[in-house]
Amino acid sequence: MKGFILVAHGSRRAAANDEIAAFARSLAEGMDDKFAVIGHGFWELAEPSLEQAIDNQVSSGASDIRLFPYFLARGKHVVTDLPSVLEQKREQYPEVTITLLPHLGALPGFADWLGRQL
């Protein structure tokens, strides 16, 4: 079973975290059943944490999880922190494939799309 996790930074403002949760739900509606389990996680300041989000998906039966970093740039979280957590979770769940997708700012055509929207 395939899983998808949208991971964002997290905020002290609950409304910002609620916005991410709502965005993850909207993504689920537009993915046409590509993923059986869709969720979100936060790097810090909010829950569920990325670790909790992965654990939740595994307990729901996901055996192939794709992680999408909702970050614009290749900062420390994208380059170091997220891969470190994925390495730990891969060791914890050797039977589960966990793939780190390109971050938002690295998606092909993103700059062109944004330019058209603006």
PDB file of N, CA and C in Angstrom:
ATOM      1  N   MET A   1       0.849  -1.164   0.000  1.00  0.00           N
ATOM      2  CA  MET A   1       0.000   0.000   0.000  1.00  0.00           C
ATOM      3  C   MET A   1       0.900   1.235   0.000  1.00  0.00           C
ATOM      4  N   LYS A   2       0.534   2.230  -0.818  1.00  0.00           N
ATOM      5  CA  LYS A   2       1.329   3.449  -0.922  1.00  0.00           C
ATOM      6  C   LYS A   2       0.825   4.533   0.022  1.00  0.00           C
ATOM      7  N   GLY A   3       1.791   5.250   0.615  1.00  0.00           N
ATOM      8  CA  GLY A   3       1.482   6.365   1.492  1.00  0.00           C
ATOM      9  C   GLY A   3       2.184   7.630   1.018  1.00  0.00           C
ATOM     10  N   PHE A   4       1.641   8.756   1.403  1.00  0.00           N
ATOM     11  CA  PHE A   4       2.191  10.067   1.045  1.00  0.00           C
ATOM     12  C   PHE A   4       2.143  10.956   2.280  1.00  0.00           C
ATOM     13  N   ILE A   5       3.263  11.630   2.557  1.00  0.00           N
ATOM     14  CA  ILE A   5       3.325  12.566   3.684  1.00  0.00           C
ATOM     15  C   ILE A   5       3.821  13.908   3.184  1.00  0.00           C
ATOM     16  N   LEU A   6       3.036  14.936   3.415  1.00  0.00           N
ATOM     17  CA  LEU A   6       3.446  16.317   3.175  1.00  0.00           C
ATOM     18  C   LEU A   6       4.123  16.781   4.460  1.00  0.00           C
ATOM     19  N   VAL A   7       5.385  17.166   4.383  1.00  0.00           N
ATOM     20  CA  VAL A   7       6.079  17.619   5.589  1.00  0.00           C
ATOM     21  C   VAL A   7       6.399  19.101   5.465  1.00  0.00           C
ATOM     22  N   ALA A   8       6.002  19.838   6.483  1.00  0.00           N
ATOM     23  CA  ALA A   8       6.229  21.272   6.541  1.00  0.00           C
ATOM     24  C   ALA A   8       7.006  21.594   7.809  1.00  0.00           C
ATOM     25  N   HIS A   9       7.432  22.820   7.928  1.00  0.00           N
ATOM     26  CA  HIS A   9       8.258  23.209   9.060  1.00  0.00           C
ATOM     27  C   HIS A   9       7.514  23.092  10.384  1.00  0.00           C
ATOM     28  N   GLY A  10       6.326  23.637  10.457  1.00  0.00           N
ATOM     29  CA  GLY A  10       5.581  23.726  11.715  1.00  0.00           C
ATOM     30  C   GLY A  10       5.684  25.131  12.250  1.00  0.00           C
ATOM     31  N   SER A  11       4.678  25.540  12.990  1.00  0.00           N
ATOM     32  CA  SER A  11       4.603  26.909  13.477  1.00  0.00           C
ATOM     33  C   SER A  11       4.074  26.947  14.902  1.00  0.00           C
ATOM     34  N   ARG A  12       4.390  28.014  15.591  1.00  0.00           N
ATOM     35  CA  ARG A  12       3.795  28.231  16.912  1.00  0.00           C
ATOM     36  C   ARG A  12       2.339  28.654  16.780  1.00  0.00           C
ATOM     37  N   ARG A  13       1.968  29.123  15.589  1.00  0.00           N
ATOM     38  CA  ARG A  13       0.585  29.539  15.324  1.00  0.00           C
ATOM     39  C   ARG A  13      -0.238  28.332  14.889  1.00  0.00           C
ATOM     40  N   ALA A  14      -1.212  27.973  15.683  1.00  0.00           N
ATOM     41  CA  ALA A  14      -2.056  26.816  15.357  1.00  0.00           C
ATOM     42  C   ALA A  14      -2.737  26.985  14.009  1.00  0.00           C
ATOM     43  N   ALA A  15      -3.135  28.208  13.677  1.00  0.00           N
ATOM     44  CA  ALA A  15      -3.822  28.441  12.399  1.00  0.00           C
ATOM     45  C   ALA A  15      -2.929  28.075  11.213  1.00  0.00           C
ATOM     46  N   ALA A  16      -1.646  28.331  11.317  1.00  0.00           N
ATOM     47  CA  ALA A  16      -0.721  27.983  10.236  1.00  0.00           C
ATOM     48  C   ALA A  16      -0.619  26.463  10.093  1.00  0.00           C
ATOM     49  N   ASN A  17      -0.567  25.756  11.210  1.00  0.00           N
ATOM     50  CA  ASN A  17      -0.502  24.296  11.169  1.00  0.00           C
ATOM     51  C   ASN A  17      -1.806  23.712  10.633  1.00  0.00           C
ATOM     52  N   ASP A  18      -2.925  24.313  11.001  1.00  0.00           N
ATOM     53  CA  ASP A  18      -4.220  23.880  10.475  1.00  0.00           C
ATOM     54  C   ASP A  18      -4.284  24.073   8.965  1.00  0.00           C
ATOM     55  N   GLU A  19      -3.659  25.140   8.482  1.00  0.00           N
ATOM     56  CA  GLU A  19      -3.625  25.397   7.038  1.00  0.00           C
ATOM     57  C   GLU A  19      -2.866  24.282   6.307  1.00  0.00           C
ATOM     58  N   ILE A  20      -1.773  23.831   6.887  1.00  0.00           N
ATOM     59  CA  ILE A  20      -1.009  22.728   6.283  1.00  0.00           C
ATOM     60  C   ILE A  20      -1.848  21.455   6.273  1.00  0.00           C
ATOM     61  N   ALA A  21      -2.532  21.164   7.374  1.00  0.00           N
ATOM     62  CA  ALA A  21      -3.384  19.970   7.435  1.00  0.00           C
ATOM     63  C   ALA A  21      -4.483  20.045   6.370  1.00  0.00           C
ATOM     64  N   ALA A  22      -5.079  21.206   6.208  1.00  0.00           N
ATOM     65  CA  ALA A  22      -6.125  21.385   5.193  1.00  0.00           C
ATOM     66  C   ALA A  22      -5.546  21.220   3.790  1.00  0.00           C
ATOM     67  N   PHE A  23      -4.345  21.744   3.577  1.00  0.00           N
ATOM     68  CA  PHE A  23      -3.699  21.612   2.275  1.00  0.00           C
ATOM     69  C   PHE A  23      -3.427  20.141   1.964  1.00  0.00           C
ATOM     70  N   ALA A  24      -2.981  19.384   2.944  1.00  0.00           N
ATOM     71  CA  ALA A  24      -2.738  17.949   2.745  1.00  0.00           C
ATOM     72  C   ALA A  24      -4.042  17.240   2.372  1.00  0.00           C
ATOM     73  N   ARG A  25      -5.146  17.614   3.017  1.00  0.00           N
ATOM     74  CA  ARG A  25      -6.440  17.019   2.666  1.00  0.00           C
ATOM     75  C   ARG A  25      -6.836  17.374   1.236  1.00  0.00           C
ATOM     76  N   SER A  26      -6.564  18.623   0.805  1.00  0.00           N
ATOM     77  CA  SER A  26      -6.897  19.006  -0.577  1.00  0.00           C
ATOM     78  C   SER A  26      -6.055  18.242  -1.571  1.00  0.00           C
ATOM     79  N   LEU A  27      -4.782  18.025  -1.235  1.00  0.00           N
ATOM     80  CA  LEU A  27      -3.933  17.221  -2.110  1.00  0.00           C
ATOM     81  C   LEU A  27      -4.521  15.822  -2.274  1.00  0.00           C
ATOM     82  N   ALA A  28      -4.989  15.263  -1.175  1.00  0.00           N
ATOM     83  CA  ALA A  28      -5.560  13.915  -1.208  1.00  0.00           C
ATOM     84  C   ALA A  28      -6.722  13.853  -2.188  1.00  0.00           C
ATOM     85  N   GLU A  29      -7.541  14.885  -2.195  1.00  0.00           N
ATOM     86  CA  GLU A  29      -8.696  14.909  -3.097  1.00  0.00           C
ATOM     87  C   GLU A  29      -8.267  14.951  -4.554  1.00  0.00           C
ATOM     88  N   GLY A  30      -7.122  15.576  -4.851  1.00  0.00           N
ATOM     89  CA  GLY A  30      -6.676  15.704  -6.225  1.00  0.00           C
ATOM     90  C   GLY A  30      -5.757  14.602  -6.713  1.00  0.00           C
ATOM     91  N   MET A  31      -5.434  13.631  -5.874  1.00  0.00           N
ATOM     92  CA  MET A  31      -4.487  12.595  -6.272  1.00  0.00           C
ATOM     93  C   MET A  31      -5.135  11.355  -6.875  1.00  0.00           C
ATOM     94  N   ASP A  32      -6.435  11.361  -7.016  1.00  0.00           N
ATOM     95  CA  ASP A  32      -7.134  10.262  -7.698  1.00  0.00           C
ATOM     96  C   ASP A  32      -6.737   8.883  -7.191  1.00  0.00           C
ATOM     97  N   ASP A  33      -6.735   8.698  -5.907  1.00  0.00           N
ATOM     98  CA  ASP A  33      -6.452   7.393  -5.301  1.00  0.00           C
ATOM     99  C   ASP A  33      -5.065   6.837  -5.624  1.00  0.00           C
ATOM    100  N   LYS A  34      -4.124   7.714  -5.967  1.00  0.00           N
ATOM    101  CA  LYS A  34      -2.749   7.266  -6.233  1.00  0.00           C
ATOM    102  C   LYS A  34      -2.110   6.705  -4.958  1.00  0.00           C
ATOM    103  N   PHE A  35      -2.500   7.280  -3.814  1.00  0.00           N
ATOM    104  CA  PHE A  35      -1.972   6.846  -2.522  1.00  0.00           C
ATOM    105  C   PHE A  35      -3.139   6.394  -1.641  1.00  0.00           C
ATOM    106  N   ALA A  36      -2.947   5.284  -0.954  1.00  0.00           N
ATOM    107  CA  ALA A  36      -3.994   4.776  -0.073  1.00  0.00           C
ATOM    108  C   ALA A  36      -4.053   5.545   1.242  1.00  0.00           C
ATOM    109  N   VAL A  37      -2.895   6.043   1.681  1.00  0.00           N
ATOM    110  CA  VAL A  37      -2.817   6.763   2.950  1.00  0.00           C
ATOM    111  C   VAL A  37      -2.119   8.101   2.683  1.00  0.00           C
ATOM    112  N   ILE A  38      -2.777   9.187   3.032  1.00  0.00           N
ATOM    113  CA  ILE A  38      -2.194  10.516   2.831  1.00  0.00           C
ATOM    114  C   ILE A  38      -2.253  11.263   4.147  1.00  0.00           C
ATOM    115  N   GLY A  39      -1.116  11.879   4.511  1.00  0.00           N
ATOM    116  CA  GLY A  39      -1.073  12.610   5.763  1.00  0.00           C
ATOM    117  C   GLY A  39      -0.080  13.746   5.697  1.00  0.00           C
ATOM    118  N   HIS A  40       0.169  14.307   6.846  1.00  0.00           N
ATOM    119  CA  HIS A  40       1.129  15.405   6.949  1.00  0.00           C
ATOM    120  C   HIS A  40       1.896  15.257   8.254  1.00  0.00           C
ATOM    121  N   GLY A  41       3.061  15.920   8.283  1.00  0.00           N
ATOM    122  CA  GLY A  41       3.878  15.933   9.486  1.00  0.00           C
ATOM    123  C   GLY A  41       4.655  17.233   9.526  1.00  0.00           C
ATOM    124  N   PHE A  42       5.143  17.565  10.704  1.00  0.00           N
ATOM    125  CA  PHE A  42       5.871  18.814  10.887  1.00  0.00           C
ATOM    126  C   PHE A  42       7.282  18.525  11.370  1.00  0.00           C
ATOM    127  N   TRP A  43       8.215  19.361  10.928  1.00  0.00           N
ATOM    128  CA  TRP A  43       9.587  19.207  11.370  1.00  0.00           C
ATOM    129  C   TRP A  43       9.720  19.577  12.832  1.00  0.00           C
ATOM    130  N   GLU A  44       9.100  20.684  13.228  1.00  0.00           N
ATOM    131  CA  GLU A  44       9.182  21.103  14.634  1.00  0.00           C
ATOM    132  C   GLU A  44       7.989  21.969  14.986  1.00  0.00           C
ATOM    133  N   LEU A  45       7.815  22.228  16.247  1.00  0.00           N
ATOM    134  CA  LEU A  45       6.830  23.160  16.782  1.00  0.00           C
ATOM    135  C   LEU A  45       5.382  22.699  16.712  1.00  0.00           C
ATOM    136  N   ALA A  46       5.104  21.566  16.082  1.00  0.00           N
ATOM    137  CA  ALA A  46       3.716  21.120  15.946  1.00  0.00           C
ATOM    138  C   ALA A  46       3.681  19.605  15.786  1.00  0.00           C
ATOM    139  N   GLU A  47       2.507  19.057  15.932  1.00  0.00           N
ATOM    140  CA  GLU A  47       2.297  17.626  15.754  1.00  0.00           C
ATOM    141  C   GLU A  47       1.221  17.404  14.717  1.00  0.00           C
ATOM    142  N   PRO A  48       1.290  16.282  14.027  1.00  0.00           N
ATOM    143  CA  PRO A  48       2.222  15.194  14.243  1.00  0.00           C
ATOM    144  C   PRO A  48       3.614  15.528  13.723  1.00  0.00           C
ATOM    145  N   SER A  49       4.607  15.016  14.422  1.00  0.00           N
ATOM    146  CA  SER A  49       5.985  15.164  13.942  1.00  0.00           C
ATOM    147  C   SER A  49       6.158  14.274  12.719  1.00  0.00           C
ATOM    148  N   LEU A  50       7.237  14.477  11.993  1.00  0.00           N
ATOM    149  CA  LEU A  50       7.521  13.624  10.844  1.00  0.00           C
ATOM    150  C   LEU A  50       7.622  12.167  11.289  1.00  0.00           C
ATOM    151  N   GLU A  51       8.292  11.936  12.402  1.00  0.00           N
ATOM    152  CA  GLU A  51       8.428  10.572  12.913  1.00  0.00           C
ATOM    153  C   GLU A  51       7.059   9.962  13.197  1.00  0.00           C
ATOM    154  N   GLN A  52       6.178  10.737  13.850  1.00  0.00           N
ATOM    155  CA  GLN A  52       4.832  10.244  14.149  1.00  0.00           C
ATOM    156  C   GLN A  52       4.044   9.981  12.870  1.00  0.00           C
ATOM    157  N   ALA A  53       4.194  10.851  11.883  1.00  0.00           N
ATOM    158  CA  ALA A  53       3.472  10.674  10.617  1.00  0.00           C
ATOM    159  C   ALA A  53       3.902   9.381   9.930  1.00  0.00           C
ATOM    160  N   ILE A  54       5.204   9.105   9.939  1.00  0.00           N
ATOM    161  CA  ILE A  54       5.699   7.852   9.338  1.00  0.00           C
ATOM    162  C   ILE A  54       5.168   6.657  10.121  1.00  0.00           C
ATOM    163  N   ASP A  55       5.267   6.711  11.453  1.00  0.00           N
ATOM    164  CA  ASP A  55       4.758   5.620  12.285  1.00  0.00           C
ATOM    165  C   ASP A  55       3.273   5.368  12.013  1.00  0.00           C
ATOM    166  N   ASN A  56       2.496   6.447  11.896  1.00  0.00           N
ATOM    167  CA  ASN A  56       1.054   6.322  11.635  1.00  0.00           C
ATOM    168  C   ASN A  56       0.791   5.633  10.306  1.00  0.00           C
ATOM    169  N   GLN A  57       1.584   5.993   9.288  1.00  0.00           N
ATOM    170  CA  GLN A  57       1.368   5.377   7.980  1.00  0.00           C
ATOM    171  C   GLN A  57       1.740   3.902   7.994  1.00  0.00           C
ATOM    172  N   VAL A  58       2.837   3.574   8.652  1.00  0.00           N
ATOM    173  CA  VAL A  58       3.241   2.167   8.742  1.00  0.00           C
ATOM    174  C   VAL A  58       2.173   1.375   9.492  1.00  0.00           C
ATOM    175  N   SER A  59       1.657   1.927  10.588  1.00  0.00           N
ATOM    176  CA  SER A  59       0.625   1.204  11.346  1.00  0.00           C
ATOM    177  C   SER A  59      -0.678   1.089  10.561  1.00  0.00           C
ATOM    178  N   SER A  60      -0.874   1.962   9.568  1.00  0.00           N
ATOM    179  CA  SER A  60      -2.060   1.876   8.698  1.00  0.00           C
ATOM    180  C   SER A  60      -1.848   0.908   7.540  1.00  0.00           C
ATOM    181  N   GLY A  61      -0.634   0.348   7.430  1.00  0.00           N
ATOM    182  CA  GLY A  61      -0.367  -0.648   6.409  1.00  0.00           C
ATOM    183  C   GLY A  61       0.452  -0.171   5.224  1.00  0.00           C
ATOM    184  N   ALA A  62       0.910   1.061   5.245  1.00  0.00           N
ATOM    185  CA  ALA A  62       1.721   1.561   4.126  1.00  0.00           C
ATOM    186  C   ALA A  62       3.066   0.840   4.093  1.00  0.00           C
ATOM    187  N   SER A  63       3.440   0.395   2.901  1.00  0.00           N
ATOM    188  CA  SER A  63       4.733  -0.279   2.741  1.00  0.00           C
ATOM    189  C   SER A  63       5.633   0.485   1.764  1.00  0.00           C
ATOM    190  N   ASP A  64       5.105   1.553   1.181  1.00  0.00           N
ATOM    191  CA  ASP A  64       5.848   2.402   0.246  1.00  0.00           C
ATOM    192  C   ASP A  64       5.401   3.836   0.508  1.00  0.00           C
ATOM    193  N   ILE A  65       6.233   4.596   1.214  1.00  0.00           N
ATOM    194  CA  ILE A  65       5.857   5.950   1.641  1.00  0.00           C
ATOM    195  C   ILE A  65       6.685   6.974   0.882  1.00  0.00           C
ATOM    196  N   ARG A  66       6.009   7.961   0.318  1.00  0.00           N
ATOM    197  CA  ARG A  66       6.670   9.071  -0.365  1.00  0.00           C
ATOM    198  C   ARG A  66       6.542  10.296   0.526  1.00  0.00           C
ATOM    199  N   LEU A  67       7.653  10.967   0.756  1.00  0.00           N
ATOM    200  CA  LEU A  67       7.691  12.140   1.613  1.00  0.00           C
ATOM    201  C   LEU A  67       7.954  13.371   0.759  1.00  0.00           C
ATOM    202  N   PHE A  68       7.044  14.335   0.814  1.00  0.00           N
ATOM    203  CA  PHE A  68       7.195  15.566   0.029  1.00  0.00           C
ATOM    204  C   PHE A  68       7.529  16.734   0.944  1.00  0.00           C
ATOM    205  N   PRO A  69       8.764  17.278   0.856  1.00  0.00           N
ATOM    206  CA  PRO A  69       9.153  18.434   1.670  1.00  0.00           C
ATOM    207  C   PRO A  69       8.534  19.722   1.115  1.00  0.00           C
ATOM    208  N   TYR A  70       7.661  20.309   1.882  1.00  0.00           N
ATOM    209  CA  TYR A  70       6.978  21.543   1.504  1.00  0.00           C
ATOM    210  C   TYR A  70       7.871  22.732   1.896  1.00  0.00           C
ATOM    211  N   PHE A  71       9.047  22.770   1.263  1.00  0.00           N
ATOM    212  CA  PHE A  71      10.057  23.795   1.511  1.00  0.00           C
ATOM    213  C   PHE A  71      10.489  24.369   0.166  1.00  0.00           C
ATOM    214  N   LEU A  72      10.776  25.666   0.130  1.00  0.00           N
ATOM    215  CA  LEU A  72      11.176  26.298  -1.122  1.00  0.00           C
ATOM    216  C   LEU A  72      12.639  26.078  -1.477  1.00  0.00           C
ATOM    217  N   ALA A  73      13.506  25.975  -0.492  1.00  0.00           N
ATOM    218  CA  ALA A  73      14.943  25.932  -0.775  1.00  0.00           C
ATOM    219  C   ALA A  73      15.604  24.729  -0.102  1.00  0.00           C
ATOM    220  N   ARG A  74      16.822  24.434  -0.541  1.00  0.00           N
ATOM    221  CA  ARG A  74      17.614  23.343   0.018  1.00  0.00           C
ATOM    222  C   ARG A  74      18.350  23.806   1.278  1.00  0.00           C
ATOM    223  N   GLY A  75      17.579  24.177   2.258  1.00  0.00           N
ATOM    224  CA  GLY A  75      18.164  24.567   3.536  1.00  0.00           C
ATOM    225  C   GLY A  75      18.517  23.343   4.357  1.00  0.00           C
ATOM    226  N   LYS A  76      18.893  23.582   5.600  1.00  0.00           N
ATOM    227  CA  LYS A  76      19.355  22.518   6.497  1.00  0.00           C
ATOM    228  C   LYS A  76      18.325  21.404   6.673  1.00  0.00           C
ATOM    229  N   HIS A  77      17.057  21.777   6.773  1.00  0.00           N
ATOM    230  CA  HIS A  77      16.038  20.737   6.968  1.00  0.00           C
ATOM    231  C   HIS A  77      15.981  19.789   5.768  1.00  0.00           C
ATOM    232  N   VAL A  78      16.028  20.339   4.558  1.00  0.00           N
ATOM    233  CA  VAL A  78      15.941  19.521   3.350  1.00  0.00           C
ATOM    234  C   VAL A  78      17.221  18.707   3.139  1.00  0.00           C
ATOM    235  N   VAL A  79      18.365  19.324   3.355  1.00  0.00           N
ATOM    236  CA  VAL A  79      19.651  18.686   3.050  1.00  0.00           C
ATOM    237  C   VAL A  79      20.088  17.695   4.128  1.00  0.00           C
ATOM    238  N   THR A  80      19.873  18.037   5.386  1.00  0.00           N
ATOM    239  CA  THR A  80      20.427  17.232   6.479  1.00  0.00           C
ATOM    240  C   THR A  80      19.363  16.577   7.362  1.00  0.00           C
ATOM    241  N   ASP A  81      18.440  17.382   7.856  1.00  0.00           N
ATOM    242  CA  ASP A  81      17.509  16.898   8.876  1.00  0.00           C
ATOM    243  C   ASP A  81      16.547  15.825   8.372  1.00  0.00           C
ATOM    244  N   LEU A  82      15.857  16.098   7.269  1.00  0.00           N
ATOM    245  CA  LEU A  82      14.895  15.121   6.758  1.00  0.00           C
ATOM    246  C   LEU A  82      15.572  13.810   6.366  1.00  0.00           C
ATOM    247  N   PRO A  83      16.685  13.846   5.625  1.00  0.00           N
ATOM    248  CA  PRO A  83      17.353  12.577   5.308  1.00  0.00           C
ATOM    249  C   PRO A  83      17.789  11.791   6.554  1.00  0.00           C
ATOM    250  N   SER A  84      18.163  12.501   7.617  1.00  0.00           N
ATOM    251  CA  SER A  84      18.571  11.835   8.847  1.00  0.00           C
ATOM    252  C   SER A  84      17.397  11.064   9.465  1.00  0.00           C
ATOM    253  N   VAL A  85      16.237  11.684   9.502  1.00  0.00           N
ATOM    254  CA  VAL A  85      15.049  11.009  10.045  1.00  0.00           C
ATOM    255  C   VAL A  85      14.674   9.824   9.159  1.00  0.00           C
ATOM    256  N   LEU A  86      14.741  10.016   7.855  1.00  0.00           N
ATOM    257  CA  LEU A  86      14.401   8.915   6.953  1.00  0.00           C
ATOM    258  C   LEU A  86      15.344   7.731   7.140  1.00  0.00           C
ATOM    259  N   GLU A  87      16.615   8.007   7.338  1.00  0.00           N
ATOM    260  CA  GLU A  87      17.576   6.924   7.577  1.00  0.00           C
ATOM    261  C   GLU A  87      17.206   6.146   8.845  1.00  0.00           C
ATOM    262  N   GLN A  88      16.842   6.871   9.905  1.00  0.00           N
ATOM    263  CA  GLN A  88      16.447   6.209  11.154  1.00  0.00           C
ATOM    264  C   GLN A  88      15.194   5.364  10.956  1.00  0.00           C
ATOM    265  N   LYS A  89      14.224   5.914  10.230  1.00  0.00           N
ATOM    266  CA  LYS A  89      12.961   5.198  10.021  1.00  0.00           C
ATOM    267  C   LYS A  89      13.147   4.005   9.081  1.00  0.00           C
ATOM    268  N   ARG A  90      14.053   4.120   8.143  1.00  0.00           N
ATOM    269  CA  ARG A  90      14.347   2.982   7.263  1.00  0.00           C
ATOM    270  C   ARG A  90      14.963   1.834   8.066  1.00  0.00           C
ATOM    271  N   GLU A  91      15.793   2.176   9.044  1.00  0.00           N
ATOM    272  CA  GLU A  91      16.363   1.144   9.921  1.00  0.00           C
ATOM    273  C   GLU A  91      15.280   0.533  10.804  1.00  0.00           C
ATOM    274  N   GLN A  92      14.375   1.369  11.289  1.00  0.00           N
ATOM    275  CA  GLN A  92      13.290   0.894  12.154  1.00  0.00           C
ATOM    276  C   GLN A  92      12.312   0.013  11.383  1.00  0.00           C
ATOM    277  N   TYR A  93      12.064   0.366  10.122  1.00  0.00           N
ATOM    278  CA  TYR A  93      11.103  -0.351   9.289  1.00  0.00           C
ATOM    279  C   TYR A  93      11.787  -0.829   7.999  1.00  0.00           C
ATOM    280  N   PRO A  94      12.644  -1.836   8.085  1.00  0.00           N
ATOM    281  CA  PRO A  94      13.391  -2.264   6.887  1.00  0.00           C
ATOM    282  C   PRO A  94      12.490  -2.795   5.768  1.00  0.00           C
ATOM    283  N   GLU A  95      11.288  -3.206   6.110  1.00  0.00           N
ATOM    284  CA  GLU A  95      10.374  -3.743   5.101  1.00  0.00           C
ATOM    285  C   GLU A  95       9.602  -2.644   4.364  1.00  0.00           C
ATOM    286  N   VAL A  96       9.771  -1.394   4.783  1.00  0.00           N
ATOM    287  CA  VAL A  96       9.043  -0.267   4.191  1.00  0.00           C
ATOM    288  C   VAL A  96      10.001   0.566   3.332  1.00  0.00           C
ATOM    289  N   THR A  97       9.560   0.903   2.137  1.00  0.00           N
ATOM    290  CA  THR A  97      10.322   1.801   1.267  1.00  0.00           C
ATOM    291  C   THR A  97       9.893   3.232   1.586  1.00  0.00           C
ATOM    292  N   ILE A  98      10.843   4.069   1.959  1.00  0.00           N
ATOM    293  CA  ILE A  98      10.553   5.473   2.263  1.00  0.00           C
ATOM    294  C   ILE A  98      11.393   6.318   1.312  1.00  0.00           C
ATOM    295  N   THR A  99      10.712   7.103   0.486  1.00  0.00           N
ATOM    296  CA  THR A  99      11.373   7.888  -0.551  1.00  0.00           C
ATOM    297  C   THR A  99      11.195   9.375  -0.280  1.00  0.00           C
ATOM    298  N   LEU A 100      12.301  10.099  -0.324  1.00  0.00           N
ATOM    299  CA  LEU A 100      12.259  11.557  -0.182  1.00  0.00           C
ATOM    300  C   LEU A 100      12.138  12.167  -1.575  1.00  0.00           C
ATOM    301  N   LEU A 101      11.025  12.824  -1.826  1.00  0.00           N
ATOM    302  CA  LEU A 101      10.781  13.475  -3.110  1.00  0.00           C
ATOM    303  C   LEU A 101      11.502  14.823  -3.154  1.00  0.00           C
ATOM    304  N   PRO A 102      11.635  15.427  -4.339  1.00  0.00           N
ATOM    305  CA  PRO A 102      12.225  16.770  -4.414  1.00  0.00           C
ATOM    306  C   PRO A 102      11.379  17.772  -3.626  1.00  0.00           C
ATOM    307  N   HIS A 103      12.036  18.732  -3.016  1.00  0.00           N
ATOM    308  CA  HIS A 103      11.303  19.764  -2.277  1.00  0.00           C
ATOM    309  C   HIS A 103      10.560  20.680  -3.251  1.00  0.00           C
ATOM    310  N   LEU A 104       9.614  21.430  -2.740  1.00  0.00           N
ATOM    311  CA  LEU A 104       8.733  22.270  -3.559  1.00  0.00           C
ATOM    312  C   LEU A 104       9.504  23.145  -4.529  1.00  0.00           C
ATOM    313  N   GLY A 105      10.510  23.848  -4.067  1.00  0.00           N
ATOM    314  CA  GLY A 105      11.258  24.758  -4.922  1.00  0.00           C
ATOM    315  C   GLY A 105      12.035  24.078  -6.027  1.00  0.00           C
ATOM    316  N   ALA A 106      12.247  22.760  -5.909  1.00  0.00           N
ATOM    317  CA  ALA A 106      13.011  22.023  -6.923  1.00  0.00           C
ATOM    318  C   ALA A 106      12.123  21.326  -7.950  1.00  0.00           C
ATOM    319  N   LEU A 107      10.813  21.435  -7.799  1.00  0.00           N
ATOM    320  CA  LEU A 107       9.929  20.762  -8.753  1.00  0.00           C
ATOM    321  C   LEU A 107      10.090  21.365 -10.142  1.00  0.00           C
ATOM    322  N   PRO A 108      10.231  20.527 -11.150  1.00  0.00           N
ATOM    323  CA  PRO A 108      10.370  21.044 -12.515  1.00  0.00           C
ATOM    324  C   PRO A 108       9.165  21.905 -12.890  1.00  0.00           C
ATOM    325  N   GLY A 109       9.445  23.077 -13.419  1.00  0.00           N
ATOM    326  CA  GLY A 109       8.382  23.968 -13.864  1.00  0.00           C
ATOM    327  C   GLY A 109       7.743  24.809 -12.775  1.00  0.00           C
ATOM    328  N   PHE A 110       8.175  24.631 -11.522  1.00  0.00           N
ATOM    329  CA  PHE A 110       7.535  25.374 -10.432  1.00  0.00           C
ATOM    330  C   PHE A 110       7.686  26.881 -10.616  1.00  0.00           C
ATOM    331  N   ALA A 111       8.877  27.354 -10.952  1.00  0.00           N
ATOM    332  CA  ALA A 111       9.093  28.796 -11.118  1.00  0.00           C
ATOM    333  C   ALA A 111       8.230  29.346 -12.255  1.00  0.00           C
ATOM    334  N   ASP A 112       8.124  28.605 -13.354  1.00  0.00           N
ATOM    335  CA  ASP A 112       7.271  29.050 -14.463  1.00  0.00           C
ATOM    336  C   ASP A 112       5.811  29.106 -14.035  1.00  0.00           C
ATOM    337  N   TRP A 113       5.355  28.053 -13.346  1.00  0.00           N
ATOM    338  CA  TRP A 113       3.979  28.016 -12.872  1.00  0.00           C
ATOM    339  C   TRP A 113       3.697  29.196 -11.942  1.00  0.00           C
ATOM    340  N   LEU A 114       4.613  29.438 -10.993  1.00  0.00           N
ATOM    341  CA  LEU A 114       4.421  30.537 -10.051  1.00  0.00           C
ATOM    342  C   LEU A 114       4.392  31.874 -10.773  1.00  0.00           C
ATOM    343  N   GLY A 115       5.269  32.049 -11.727  1.00  0.00           N
ATOM    344  CA  GLY A 115       5.289  33.286 -12.506  1.00  0.00           C
ATOM    345  C   GLY A 115       3.966  33.527 -13.216  1.00  0.00           C
ATOM    346  N   ARG A 116       3.373  32.479 -13.758  1.00  0.00           N
ATOM    347  CA  ARG A 116       2.069  32.621 -14.426  1.00  0.00           C
ATOM    348  C   ARG A 116       0.974  32.970 -13.435  1.00  0.00           C
ATOM    349  N   GLN A 117       1.045  32.400 -12.231  1.00  0.00           N
ATOM    350  CA  GLN A 117       0.021  32.674 -11.210  1.00  0.00           C
ATOM    351  C   GLN A 117       0.097  34.122 -10.729  1.00  0.00           C
ATOM    352  N   LEU A 118       1.305  34.639 -10.644  1.00  0.00           N
ATOM    353  CA  LEU A 118       1.487  36.000 -10.141  1.00  0.00           C
ATOM    354  C   LEU A 118       1.141  37.018 -11.223  1.00  0.00           C
TER     355      LEU A 118
END
